[in-house]
Amino acid sequence: MAAQFLKFGVPMITLIVGGSFALKEFTEIKIRRRDEKGHALNKEEALEVLPHKKKQASLEEEYEAITKKLDIDNWENKRGPRPWEQ
């Protein structure tokens, strides 16, 4: 009986305990990598990465620039395809 425990029981218990520690280590590595990917930049890092604009445009100025480009008086209503008309 003791021989069977030494032959089958000890390796099984060793595998379960060792597997638990191995999974813990692999999970920690996975979580660390995920956190490094989603690392938020602080203000100084963000300023280094982002290009600087020379002039800050207001919403009103942007609206005026877009409306000058668009011709909203001449347009045509185009009907989209209906599911039963395909």
N, C-alpha and C. Protein backbone atom coordinates (compact mmCIF):
# COMPACT_ATOMS: atom_id res chain seq x y z
N MET A 1 0.82 -1.19 0.00
CA MET A 1 0.00 0.00 0.00
C MET A 1 0.87 1.26 0.00
N ALA A 2 1.93 1.26 0.80
CA ALA A 2 2.82 2.41 0.85
C ALA A 2 3.56 2.56 -0.47
N ALA A 3 3.83 1.45 -1.13
CA ALA A 3 4.53 1.50 -2.41
C ALA A 3 3.66 2.16 -3.47
N GLN A 4 2.35 1.88 -3.46
CA GLN A 4 1.45 2.50 -4.43
C GLN A 4 1.35 4.00 -4.18
N PHE A 5 1.32 4.40 -2.90
CA PHE A 5 1.27 5.82 -2.61
C PHE A 5 2.54 6.52 -3.10
N LEU A 6 3.67 5.89 -2.89
CA LEU A 6 4.93 6.48 -3.36
C LEU A 6 5.01 6.48 -4.88
N LYS A 7 4.42 5.48 -5.52
CA LYS A 7 4.50 5.37 -6.98
C LYS A 7 3.51 6.30 -7.67
N PHE A 8 2.28 6.41 -7.12
CA PHE A 8 1.25 7.20 -7.80
C PHE A 8 0.85 8.46 -7.03
N GLY A 9 0.77 8.39 -5.73
CA GLY A 9 0.26 9.50 -4.92
C GLY A 9 1.21 10.68 -4.85
N VAL A 10 2.48 10.43 -4.56
CA VAL A 10 3.44 11.52 -4.43
C VAL A 10 3.62 12.28 -5.75
N PRO A 11 3.78 11.59 -6.91
CA PRO A 11 3.88 12.36 -8.16
C PRO A 11 2.61 13.17 -8.46
N MET A 12 1.45 12.62 -8.11
CA MET A 12 0.19 13.34 -8.37
C MET A 12 0.10 14.58 -7.50
N ILE A 13 0.42 14.46 -6.24
CA ILE A 13 0.38 15.61 -5.34
C ILE A 13 1.42 16.65 -5.77
N THR A 14 2.61 16.18 -6.15
CA THR A 14 3.66 17.08 -6.62
C THR A 14 3.21 17.83 -7.88
N LEU A 15 2.56 17.12 -8.79
CA LEU A 15 2.07 17.74 -10.02
C LEU A 15 1.01 18.80 -9.72
N ILE A 16 0.11 18.51 -8.82
CA ILE A 16 -0.96 19.47 -8.49
C ILE A 16 -0.38 20.71 -7.83
N VAL A 17 0.48 20.52 -6.83
CA VAL A 17 1.06 21.67 -6.12
C VAL A 17 1.99 22.46 -7.06
N GLY A 18 2.84 21.77 -7.81
CA GLY A 18 3.74 22.45 -8.74
C GLY A 18 2.97 23.18 -9.83
N GLY A 19 1.90 22.56 -10.34
CA GLY A 19 1.08 23.20 -11.36
C GLY A 19 0.42 24.46 -10.85
N SER A 20 0.01 24.43 -9.59
CA SER A 20 -0.60 25.61 -8.99
C SER A 20 0.38 26.77 -8.96
N PHE A 21 1.62 26.51 -8.53
CA PHE A 21 2.63 27.57 -8.50
C PHE A 21 2.97 28.05 -9.90
N ALA A 22 3.06 27.13 -10.85
CA ALA A 22 3.38 27.51 -12.23
C ALA A 22 2.28 28.39 -12.82
N LEU A 23 1.02 28.02 -12.60
CA LEU A 23 -0.08 28.82 -13.11
C LEU A 23 -0.10 30.21 -12.48
N LYS A 24 0.25 30.28 -11.21
CA LYS A 24 0.30 31.58 -10.54
C LYS A 24 1.34 32.47 -11.22
N GLU A 25 2.52 31.93 -11.51
CA GLU A 25 3.57 32.71 -12.15
C GLU A 25 3.16 33.15 -13.56
N PHE A 26 2.60 32.24 -14.34
CA PHE A 26 2.17 32.58 -15.70
C PHE A 26 1.07 33.64 -15.69
N THR A 27 0.17 33.55 -14.72
CA THR A 27 -0.90 34.54 -14.62
C THR A 27 -0.34 35.90 -14.26
N GLU A 28 0.63 35.96 -13.36
CA GLU A 28 1.23 37.24 -13.01
C GLU A 28 1.93 37.87 -14.21
N ILE A 29 2.62 37.07 -15.00
CA ILE A 29 3.29 37.58 -16.19
C ILE A 29 2.26 38.13 -17.18
N LYS A 30 1.16 37.40 -17.36
CA LYS A 30 0.11 37.84 -18.28
C LYS A 30 -0.48 39.17 -17.82
N ILE A 31 -0.75 39.30 -16.53
CA ILE A 31 -1.35 40.52 -16.00
C ILE A 31 -0.37 41.69 -16.12
N ARG A 32 0.92 41.45 -15.85
CA ARG A 32 1.92 42.51 -15.98
C ARG A 32 2.00 43.02 -17.41
N ARG A 33 1.99 42.11 -18.38
CA ARG A 33 2.05 42.53 -19.79
C ARG A 33 0.81 43.32 -20.19
N ARG A 34 -0.35 42.89 -19.72
CA ARG A 34 -1.59 43.60 -20.04
C ARG A 34 -1.56 45.00 -19.45
N ASP A 35 -1.06 45.14 -18.23
CA ASP A 35 -0.98 46.45 -17.60
C ASP A 35 0.01 47.37 -18.31
N GLU A 36 1.11 46.80 -18.81
CA GLU A 36 2.08 47.61 -19.53
C GLU A 36 1.50 48.13 -20.84
N LYS A 37 0.67 47.33 -21.50
CA LYS A 37 0.04 47.77 -22.75
C LYS A 37 -0.91 48.93 -22.51
N GLY A 38 -1.70 48.84 -21.45
CA GLY A 38 -2.71 49.86 -21.17
C GLY A 38 -2.20 50.97 -20.28
N HIS A 39 -0.90 51.11 -20.16
CA HIS A 39 -0.33 52.14 -19.29
C HIS A 39 -0.75 53.52 -19.77
N ALA A 40 -1.32 54.28 -18.87
CA ALA A 40 -1.75 55.63 -19.22
C ALA A 40 -0.56 56.57 -19.13
N LEU A 41 -0.48 57.46 -20.08
CA LEU A 41 0.61 58.43 -20.09
C LEU A 41 0.31 59.56 -19.11
N ASN A 42 1.33 60.03 -18.45
CA ASN A 42 1.12 61.21 -17.62
C ASN A 42 1.21 62.44 -18.51
N LYS A 43 1.04 63.61 -17.94
CA LYS A 43 0.94 64.82 -18.74
C LYS A 43 2.23 65.11 -19.51
N GLU A 44 3.38 64.91 -18.88
CA GLU A 44 4.65 65.19 -19.55
C GLU A 44 4.88 64.24 -20.73
N GLU A 45 4.58 62.95 -20.53
CA GLU A 45 4.75 61.99 -21.61
C GLU A 45 3.81 62.28 -22.77
N ALA A 46 2.59 62.67 -22.45
CA ALA A 46 1.61 62.97 -23.50
C ALA A 46 2.05 64.19 -24.31
N LEU A 47 2.60 65.18 -23.66
CA LEU A 47 3.05 66.37 -24.38
C LEU A 47 4.22 66.05 -25.29
N GLU A 48 5.07 65.10 -24.89
CA GLU A 48 6.19 64.72 -25.74
C GLU A 48 5.73 63.96 -26.98
N VAL A 49 4.68 63.15 -26.83
CA VAL A 49 4.23 62.30 -27.92
C VAL A 49 3.35 63.07 -28.91
N LEU A 50 2.46 63.90 -28.40
CA LEU A 50 1.50 64.58 -29.26
C LEU A 50 2.15 65.76 -29.97
N PRO A 51 1.78 65.97 -31.24
CA PRO A 51 2.29 67.15 -31.95
C PRO A 51 1.61 68.41 -31.41
N HIS A 52 2.36 69.47 -31.37
CA HIS A 52 1.81 70.72 -30.85
C HIS A 52 1.19 71.52 -31.99
N LYS A 53 0.00 72.04 -31.73
CA LYS A 53 -0.64 72.92 -32.70
C LYS A 53 -0.15 74.34 -32.44
N LYS A 54 0.02 75.07 -33.52
CA LYS A 54 0.49 76.43 -33.37
C LYS A 54 -0.64 77.36 -32.94
N LYS A 55 -1.85 77.06 -33.41
CA LYS A 55 -2.98 77.92 -33.09
C LYS A 55 -4.13 77.05 -32.61
N GLN A 56 -4.71 77.41 -31.51
CA GLN A 56 -5.89 76.70 -31.01
C GLN A 56 -7.12 77.34 -31.65
N ALA A 57 -7.87 76.55 -32.42
CA ALA A 57 -9.05 77.07 -33.09
C ALA A 57 -10.26 76.84 -32.19
N SER A 58 -11.15 77.82 -32.19
CA SER A 58 -12.37 77.67 -31.39
C SER A 58 -13.41 76.93 -32.22
N LEU A 59 -14.45 76.49 -31.58
CA LEU A 59 -15.52 75.79 -32.28
C LEU A 59 -16.19 76.67 -33.32
N GLU A 60 -16.37 77.93 -32.99
CA GLU A 60 -17.01 78.85 -33.93
C GLU A 60 -16.17 79.02 -35.20
N GLU A 61 -14.85 79.13 -35.03
CA GLU A 61 -13.97 79.28 -36.20
C GLU A 61 -14.00 78.03 -37.06
N GLU A 62 -13.98 76.87 -36.44
CA GLU A 62 -14.05 75.62 -37.19
C GLU A 62 -15.39 75.50 -37.92
N TYR A 63 -16.47 75.88 -37.26
CA TYR A 63 -17.79 75.83 -37.88
C TYR A 63 -17.83 76.73 -39.11
N GLU A 64 -17.31 77.93 -38.99
CA GLU A 64 -17.28 78.87 -40.12
C GLU A 64 -16.47 78.30 -41.28
N ALA A 65 -15.32 77.68 -40.98
CA ALA A 65 -14.48 77.12 -42.04
C ALA A 65 -15.19 75.98 -42.76
N ILE A 66 -15.90 75.16 -42.03
CA ILE A 66 -16.61 74.04 -42.65
C ILE A 66 -17.79 74.53 -43.47
N THR A 67 -18.54 75.48 -42.95
CA THR A 67 -19.71 75.97 -43.68
C THR A 67 -19.32 76.72 -44.95
N LYS A 68 -18.14 77.31 -44.99
CA LYS A 68 -17.68 77.97 -46.22
C LYS A 68 -17.38 76.94 -47.31
N LYS A 69 -16.92 75.78 -46.92
CA LYS A 69 -16.59 74.73 -47.89
C LYS A 69 -17.84 74.04 -48.43
N LEU A 70 -18.89 73.95 -47.63
CA LEU A 70 -20.08 73.21 -48.04
C LEU A 70 -21.06 74.09 -48.79
N ASP A 71 -21.72 73.49 -49.77
CA ASP A 71 -22.78 74.18 -50.50
C ASP A 71 -24.09 73.52 -50.11
N ILE A 72 -24.78 74.10 -49.13
CA ILE A 72 -25.99 73.47 -48.61
C ILE A 72 -27.24 73.90 -49.38
N ASP A 73 -27.11 74.79 -50.36
CA ASP A 73 -28.28 75.21 -51.13
C ASP A 73 -28.57 74.27 -52.30
N ASN A 74 -27.57 73.63 -52.85
CA ASN A 74 -27.75 72.74 -53.99
C ASN A 74 -27.47 71.31 -53.55
N TRP A 75 -28.54 70.55 -53.40
CA TRP A 75 -28.39 69.17 -52.99
C TRP A 75 -29.48 68.33 -53.61
N GLU A 76 -29.28 67.04 -53.63
CA GLU A 76 -30.23 66.12 -54.23
C GLU A 76 -30.52 65.01 -53.22
N ASN A 77 -31.78 64.69 -53.05
CA ASN A 77 -32.17 63.63 -52.13
C ASN A 77 -31.98 62.29 -52.81
N LYS A 78 -31.09 61.45 -52.27
CA LYS A 78 -30.84 60.14 -52.83
C LYS A 78 -31.39 59.09 -51.88
N ARG A 79 -32.26 58.26 -52.40
CA ARG A 79 -32.90 57.24 -51.59
C ARG A 79 -32.02 56.01 -51.50
N GLY A 80 -31.84 55.52 -50.28
CA GLY A 80 -31.04 54.32 -50.06
C GLY A 80 -31.81 53.07 -50.43
N PRO A 81 -31.12 51.98 -50.72
CA PRO A 81 -31.81 50.74 -51.08
C PRO A 81 -32.56 50.15 -49.89
N ARG A 82 -33.75 49.64 -50.18
CA ARG A 82 -34.56 48.98 -49.15
C ARG A 82 -34.27 47.49 -49.18
N PRO A 83 -34.43 46.81 -48.06
CA PRO A 83 -34.11 45.37 -48.03
C PRO A 83 -34.92 44.57 -49.05
N TRP A 84 -36.14 44.96 -49.32
CA TRP A 84 -36.98 44.18 -50.25
C TRP A 84 -36.73 44.57 -51.71
N GLU A 85 -35.92 45.61 -51.95
CA GLU A 85 -35.65 46.04 -53.32
C GLU A 85 -34.33 45.53 -53.86
N GLN A 86 -33.63 44.70 -53.14
CA GLN A 86 -32.32 44.24 -53.61
C GLN A 86 -32.49 43.16 -54.55
